[in-house]
Amino acid sequence: MSNSAYGSPLLIKADDSVTRLQQIPLSRAASTAVYDEAWLQDLVYRHPEVLPIAEIDDIYQDLVPVCRELNTPAGPVDVLYVTRTGRLIVVEAKLWRNPEARRKVVGQVLDYAKEFSRFSYETLDARVQQARRVEGQRGEPTQLFAVAKTRFPELEEHRFNDALTRSLQRGEFLLLIVGDGIREGVGAITAFLEGHGTLHFTFGLVEMAIYRMPDGGQLVQPRVLAQSAILRRIIVSVEGPRAVVDDDAREEEEATSAEDPGVSASVLQVREQFSSFWGEFLAKFEPRLQDKGQVL
């Protein structure tokens, strides 16, 4: 029995006959032979359109699959995409059979975000090329820009590289955990994120519900289970022992403050609060994020 809040799809044929589709329980032992995390990873990599990106954050649309198993100091990223505008989407594919995976998955994706924010464009490009060579797709480009240009021929290299460099520096990533449904303990992820809407990345939980079709095929139904709500995109950069806060609305705020000096004081106060919070947060959790065996 599924714990999903969604109903089961109905297949209504031309003769008005109705078939209720049965959900395939991805987490049960019987499904292990067919449905595992590698299967789920391959599904979202080959069919990025299955991810409901617009429901989570529409600035991350126009996905280009880049590679699987990209190496980082925090471990291999399951699936990496880039957008036409030079933003990264990181996917961690998890089936919740393993209780240990449920406890560690949040720390894992946060580790990925931390490592990517330290990459230069050249570092990222080199790791992408390495991952794509391992995949061994003959005739396919390996360089990051070349991969993006295959999907969007109008791209200009210097503009794309500059945009991606800015995204890396600012930590503008979309982090997705894609699995077979939310389970105990995972709800705390969004509770934390919603309580701290100043996070510089966007986060989403996506369920991939799989249903068995009468002809033996499969119906894949993606569902956004939870997402972080970002009303204003705040950028947190780490410079030595302190956190520096910036945001995309700076120019608009400065223009407004010229008319209303009170706005400028308010903005500075908010930024100071954000800097203080993130400085304390990073000091507290940095050792735990470095320890790959630590359960968050």
Protein backbone atom coordinates (compact mmCIF):
# COMPACT_ATOMS: atom_id res chain seq x y z
CA MET A 1 0.00 0.00 0.00
CA SER A 2 1.39 3.36 -1.00
CA ASN A 3 1.67 6.16 1.55
CA SER A 4 1.32 8.76 -1.17
CA ALA A 5 -1.31 11.45 -0.86
CA TYR A 6 -2.05 11.10 -4.59
CA GLY A 7 -4.72 8.90 -6.08
CA SER A 8 -4.04 6.18 -8.65
CA PRO A 9 -4.29 7.09 -12.36
CA LEU A 10 -7.14 5.70 -14.40
CA LEU A 11 -6.73 4.47 -17.98
CA ILE A 12 -9.96 5.26 -19.83
CA LYS A 13 -10.20 3.69 -23.28
CA ALA A 14 -12.28 4.79 -26.27
CA ASP A 15 -14.99 2.25 -25.37
CA ASP A 16 -15.27 3.87 -21.89
CA SER A 17 -13.73 0.87 -20.16
CA VAL A 18 -11.69 1.90 -17.14
CA THR A 19 -8.52 0.33 -15.77
CA ARG A 20 -7.07 1.47 -12.46
CA LEU A 21 -3.30 1.42 -12.73
CA GLN A 22 -1.40 -0.28 -9.93
CA GLN A 23 1.64 1.48 -8.49
CA ILE A 24 4.85 -0.53 -8.54
CA PRO A 25 6.32 -0.61 -5.01
CA LEU A 26 9.90 0.37 -5.75
CA SER A 27 11.05 -0.12 -2.17
CA ARG A 28 9.98 -3.73 -1.74
CA ALA A 29 12.38 -6.61 -2.10
CA ALA A 30 10.47 -8.03 -5.08
CA SER A 31 11.24 -4.96 -7.16
CA THR A 32 14.99 -4.93 -6.47
CA ALA A 33 15.86 -6.97 -9.55
CA VAL A 34 14.32 -4.39 -11.90
CA TYR A 35 14.10 -1.08 -10.06
CA ASP A 36 17.19 0.14 -8.28
CA GLU A 37 18.89 3.50 -7.89
CA ALA A 38 20.87 2.96 -11.09
CA TRP A 39 17.59 2.45 -12.96
CA LEU A 40 16.14 5.63 -11.47
CA GLN A 41 19.33 7.55 -12.22
CA ASP A 42 19.25 6.41 -15.84
CA LEU A 43 15.57 7.35 -16.15
CA VAL A 44 16.01 10.96 -15.07
CA TYR A 45 19.26 11.34 -17.02
CA ARG A 46 17.82 10.14 -20.33
CA HIS A 47 14.49 11.91 -19.83
CA PRO A 48 15.09 15.24 -18.04
CA GLU A 49 11.63 16.37 -19.08
CA VAL A 50 10.24 14.03 -16.42
CA LEU A 51 11.48 16.40 -13.70
CA PRO A 52 8.83 19.02 -12.81
CA ILE A 53 11.34 21.85 -12.74
CA ALA A 54 8.85 24.65 -13.43
CA GLU A 55 6.93 23.73 -10.27
CA ILE A 56 10.07 24.05 -8.16
CA ASP A 57 11.94 27.03 -9.65
CA ASP A 58 11.34 28.09 -13.23
CA ILE A 59 14.75 29.76 -13.64
CA TYR A 60 16.21 26.24 -13.90
CA GLN A 61 14.26 25.22 -17.00
CA ASP A 62 15.83 24.15 -20.33
CA LEU A 63 17.83 21.28 -18.85
CA VAL A 64 20.76 19.70 -20.66
CA PRO A 65 21.91 16.30 -19.31
CA VAL A 66 25.65 16.66 -18.71
CA CYS A 67 26.89 13.47 -17.07
CA ARG A 68 26.40 10.83 -14.42
CA GLU A 69 28.72 9.95 -11.54
CA LEU A 70 30.67 13.20 -11.62
CA ASN A 71 33.45 12.99 -9.03
CA THR A 72 33.60 15.56 -6.24
CA PRO A 73 35.47 15.54 -2.91
CA ALA A 74 32.08 14.80 -1.34
CA GLY A 75 31.50 11.74 -3.54
CA PRO A 76 30.07 11.11 -7.00
CA VAL A 77 27.04 13.15 -8.07
CA ASP A 78 24.35 10.87 -9.46
CA VAL A 79 23.18 13.17 -12.27
CA LEU A 80 24.29 16.64 -13.32
CA TYR A 81 22.43 18.98 -15.66
CA VAL A 82 23.16 22.49 -16.84
CA THR A 83 20.66 25.05 -18.10
CA ARG A 84 20.92 27.22 -21.17
CA THR A 85 21.65 30.14 -18.82
CA GLY A 86 24.56 28.42 -17.06
CA ARG A 87 22.97 27.11 -13.86
CA LEU A 88 23.58 23.64 -12.43
CA ILE A 89 21.01 21.08 -11.35
CA VAL A 90 22.26 18.31 -9.07
CA VAL A 91 20.19 15.14 -8.64
CA GLU A 92 20.60 12.54 -5.93
CA ALA A 93 18.55 9.43 -6.79
CA LYS A 94 17.40 7.52 -3.71
CA LEU A 95 15.05 4.61 -3.20
CA TRP A 96 14.18 4.51 0.47
CA ARG A 97 14.90 0.81 1.09
CA ASN A 98 18.00 1.73 3.01
CA PRO A 99 17.35 3.58 6.32
CA GLU A 100 20.96 4.77 6.35
CA ALA A 101 20.43 6.51 3.02
CA ARG A 102 17.46 8.41 4.46
CA ARG A 103 19.57 9.78 7.28
CA LYS A 104 22.52 10.84 5.15
CA VAL A 105 20.94 12.08 1.95
CA VAL A 106 20.48 15.66 3.16
CA GLY A 107 24.07 15.98 4.29
CA GLN A 108 25.16 14.50 0.97
CA VAL A 109 23.42 17.06 -1.22
CA LEU A 110 24.57 19.91 1.03
CA ASP A 111 28.12 18.60 0.65
CA TYR A 112 27.70 18.67 -3.12
CA ALA A 113 26.59 22.30 -3.01
CA LYS A 114 29.57 23.22 -0.85
CA GLU A 115 32.04 21.51 -3.20
CA PHE A 116 30.56 22.96 -6.37
CA SER A 117 30.76 26.47 -4.92
CA ARG A 118 34.54 25.93 -4.64
CA PHE A 119 34.96 24.79 -8.25
CA SER A 120 36.25 27.03 -11.00
CA TYR A 121 34.76 26.62 -14.45
CA GLU A 122 37.94 24.83 -15.55
CA THR A 123 37.74 22.37 -12.64
CA LEU A 124 34.12 21.57 -13.35
CA ASP A 125 34.78 21.17 -17.06
CA ALA A 126 37.66 18.76 -16.42
CA ARG A 127 35.47 16.61 -14.14
CA VAL A 128 32.66 16.63 -16.68
CA GLN A 129 35.03 15.45 -19.41
CA GLN A 130 36.33 12.69 -17.15
CA ALA A 131 32.81 11.48 -16.33
CA ARG A 132 31.68 11.54 -19.96
CA ARG A 133 34.76 9.61 -21.09
CA VAL A 134 33.93 6.95 -18.53
CA GLU A 135 30.42 6.74 -19.96
CA GLY A 136 32.08 6.07 -23.32
CA GLN A 137 29.52 7.71 -25.61
CA ARG A 138 31.24 7.55 -28.98
CA GLY A 139 30.94 10.62 -31.12
CA GLU A 140 29.48 12.63 -28.24
CA PRO A 141 31.23 15.81 -27.07
CA THR A 142 32.95 15.74 -23.69
CA GLN A 143 33.51 19.44 -22.95
CA LEU A 144 30.79 21.11 -20.90
CA PHE A 145 30.11 23.95 -23.32
CA ALA A 146 30.07 21.59 -26.30
CA VAL A 147 27.46 19.45 -24.53
CA ALA A 148 25.27 22.51 -23.89
CA LYS A 149 25.71 23.80 -27.44
CA THR A 150 24.52 20.49 -28.86
CA ARG A 151 21.15 21.24 -27.27
CA PHE A 152 21.22 25.02 -27.78
CA PRO A 153 23.25 25.86 -30.94
CA GLU A 154 22.76 29.61 -30.44
CA LEU A 155 24.90 29.66 -27.28
CA GLU A 156 28.01 31.86 -27.23
CA GLU A 157 30.90 30.29 -25.36
CA HIS A 158 32.16 33.32 -23.47
CA ARG A 159 28.66 34.26 -22.27
CA PHE A 160 27.90 30.71 -21.20
CA ASN A 161 31.23 30.33 -19.39
CA ASP A 162 30.83 33.66 -17.59
CA ALA A 163 27.28 32.82 -16.51
CA LEU A 164 28.29 29.40 -15.19
CA THR A 165 31.26 30.88 -13.37
CA ARG A 166 28.96 33.35 -11.62
CA SER A 167 26.59 30.53 -10.67
CA LEU A 168 29.44 28.57 -9.15
CA GLN A 169 30.71 31.55 -7.19
CA ARG A 170 27.26 32.46 -5.92
CA GLY A 171 26.19 28.90 -5.18
CA GLU A 172 23.14 29.14 -7.44
CA PHE A 173 22.24 25.47 -7.73
CA LEU A 174 19.07 23.45 -7.83
CA LEU A 175 19.47 20.44 -5.52
CA LEU A 176 16.98 17.63 -6.09
CA ILE A 177 16.42 14.42 -4.18
CA VAL A 178 14.49 12.14 -6.51
CA GLY A 179 13.05 8.96 -5.07
CA ASP A 180 10.05 6.73 -4.61
CA GLY A 181 8.29 8.83 -1.97
CA ILE A 182 8.76 10.71 1.24
CA ARG A 183 9.40 8.72 4.42
CA GLU A 184 9.84 9.37 8.11
CA GLY A 185 12.60 11.87 8.79
CA VAL A 186 12.71 13.39 5.32
CA GLY A 187 9.99 15.91 6.15
CA ALA A 188 12.46 17.61 8.48
CA ILE A 189 14.46 18.66 5.41
CA THR A 190 11.84 21.10 4.21
CA ALA A 191 11.05 22.23 7.74
CA PHE A 192 14.66 23.39 8.03
CA LEU A 193 14.79 24.96 4.59
CA GLU A 194 11.50 26.79 4.95
CA GLY A 195 12.67 28.15 8.28
CA HIS A 196 15.75 29.60 6.61
CA GLY A 197 14.58 30.95 3.25
CA THR A 198 17.88 32.75 2.79
CA LEU A 199 19.61 29.64 1.45
CA HIS A 200 21.40 30.44 -1.80
CA PHE A 201 20.36 27.25 -3.55
CA THR A 202 16.92 25.88 -4.35
CA PHE A 203 15.96 22.49 -2.97
CA GLY A 204 13.28 20.04 -4.03
CA LEU A 205 11.98 16.58 -3.20
CA VAL A 206 10.52 14.74 -6.19
CA GLU A 207 8.72 11.42 -6.06
CA MET A 208 8.79 9.17 -9.12
CA ALA A 209 5.67 7.05 -8.89
CA ILE A 210 5.76 4.16 -11.38
CA TYR A 211 2.57 2.42 -12.50
CA ARG A 212 2.18 -0.81 -14.46
CA MET A 213 0.34 -0.45 -17.77
CA PRO A 214 -1.92 -3.23 -19.08
CA ASP A 215 0.47 -3.88 -22.00
CA GLY A 216 3.39 -4.40 -19.63
CA GLY A 217 4.77 -0.90 -20.07
CA GLN A 218 5.20 1.72 -17.37
CA LEU A 219 3.61 5.04 -16.58
CA VAL A 220 5.95 7.45 -14.79
CA GLN A 221 4.27 10.13 -12.68
CA PRO A 222 6.58 12.77 -11.17
CA ARG A 223 5.32 14.61 -8.10
CA VAL A 224 6.81 17.54 -6.22
CA LEU A 225 6.60 16.50 -2.60
CA ALA A 226 8.33 19.52 -1.11
CA GLN A 227 10.45 22.48 -2.10
CA SER A 228 12.25 25.38 -0.54
CA ALA A 229 10.49 28.71 -0.96
CA ILE A 230 12.84 31.53 -1.92
CA LEU A 231 11.20 34.94 -2.00
CA ARG A 232 14.47 36.75 -2.54
CA ARG A 233 17.56 35.04 -3.85
CA ILE A 234 20.26 35.54 -1.21
CA ILE A 235 23.87 34.71 -2.06
CA VAL A 236 26.12 33.50 0.75
CA SER A 237 29.84 33.34 -0.03
CA VAL A 238 32.51 32.12 2.35
CA GLU A 239 35.60 34.32 2.62
CA GLY A 240 37.91 32.79 5.16
CA PRO A 241 36.19 32.57 8.55
CA ARG A 242 33.31 34.87 7.66
CA ALA A 243 30.25 34.71 5.44
CA VAL A 244 29.48 37.54 3.03
CA VAL A 245 25.88 38.05 1.94
CA ASP A 246 24.84 39.45 -1.42
CA ASP A 247 21.66 39.18 -3.44
CA ASP A 248 20.33 39.60 -6.94
CA ALA A 249 18.09 42.47 -5.87
CA ARG A 250 20.98 44.72 -4.84
CA GLU A 251 20.70 47.14 -7.77
CA GLU A 252 16.95 47.43 -7.41
CA GLU A 253 17.24 48.04 -3.67
CA GLU A 254 19.95 50.67 -4.12
CA ALA A 255 17.83 52.49 -6.67
CA THR A 256 14.88 52.42 -4.28
CA SER A 257 17.00 53.56 -1.34
CA ALA A 258 17.92 56.72 -3.26
CA GLU A 259 14.27 57.70 -2.99
CA ASP A 260 13.74 56.32 0.53
CA PRO A 261 16.82 56.37 2.79
CA GLY A 262 15.00 54.17 5.29
CA VAL A 263 15.07 51.29 2.83
CA SER A 264 18.86 51.31 2.68
CA ALA A 265 19.17 51.05 6.46
CA SER A 266 16.68 48.20 6.51
CA VAL A 267 18.53 46.30 3.79
CA LEU A 268 21.85 46.68 5.57
CA GLN A 269 20.32 45.43 8.79
CA VAL A 270 18.89 42.34 7.10
CA ARG A 271 22.20 41.58 5.40
CA GLU A 272 24.00 41.89 8.71
CA GLN A 273 21.56 39.43 10.27
CA PHE A 274 22.07 36.98 7.40
CA SER A 275 25.85 37.27 7.68
CA SER A 276 25.72 36.63 11.42
CA PHE A 277 23.44 33.61 11.02
CA TRP A 278 25.52 31.99 8.27
CA GLY A 279 28.79 32.66 10.04
CA GLU A 280 27.53 30.78 13.10
CA PHE A 281 25.93 28.06 10.95
CA LEU A 282 29.11 27.36 8.96
CA ALA A 283 31.27 27.36 12.10
CA LYS A 284 28.98 24.81 13.72
CA PHE A 285 28.42 22.44 10.83
CA GLU A 286 31.65 22.62 8.82
CA PRO A 287 33.34 19.79 10.83
CA ARG A 288 30.27 17.59 10.43
CA LEU A 289 30.05 18.19 6.69
CA GLN A 290 33.72 17.29 6.34
CA ASP A 291 33.12 13.97 8.16
CA LYS A 292 31.54 11.67 5.58
CA GLY A 293 30.60 9.15 8.27
CA GLN A 294 28.67 11.71 10.32
CA VAL A 295 24.88 11.28 10.44
CA LEU A 296 23.10 14.62 10.27
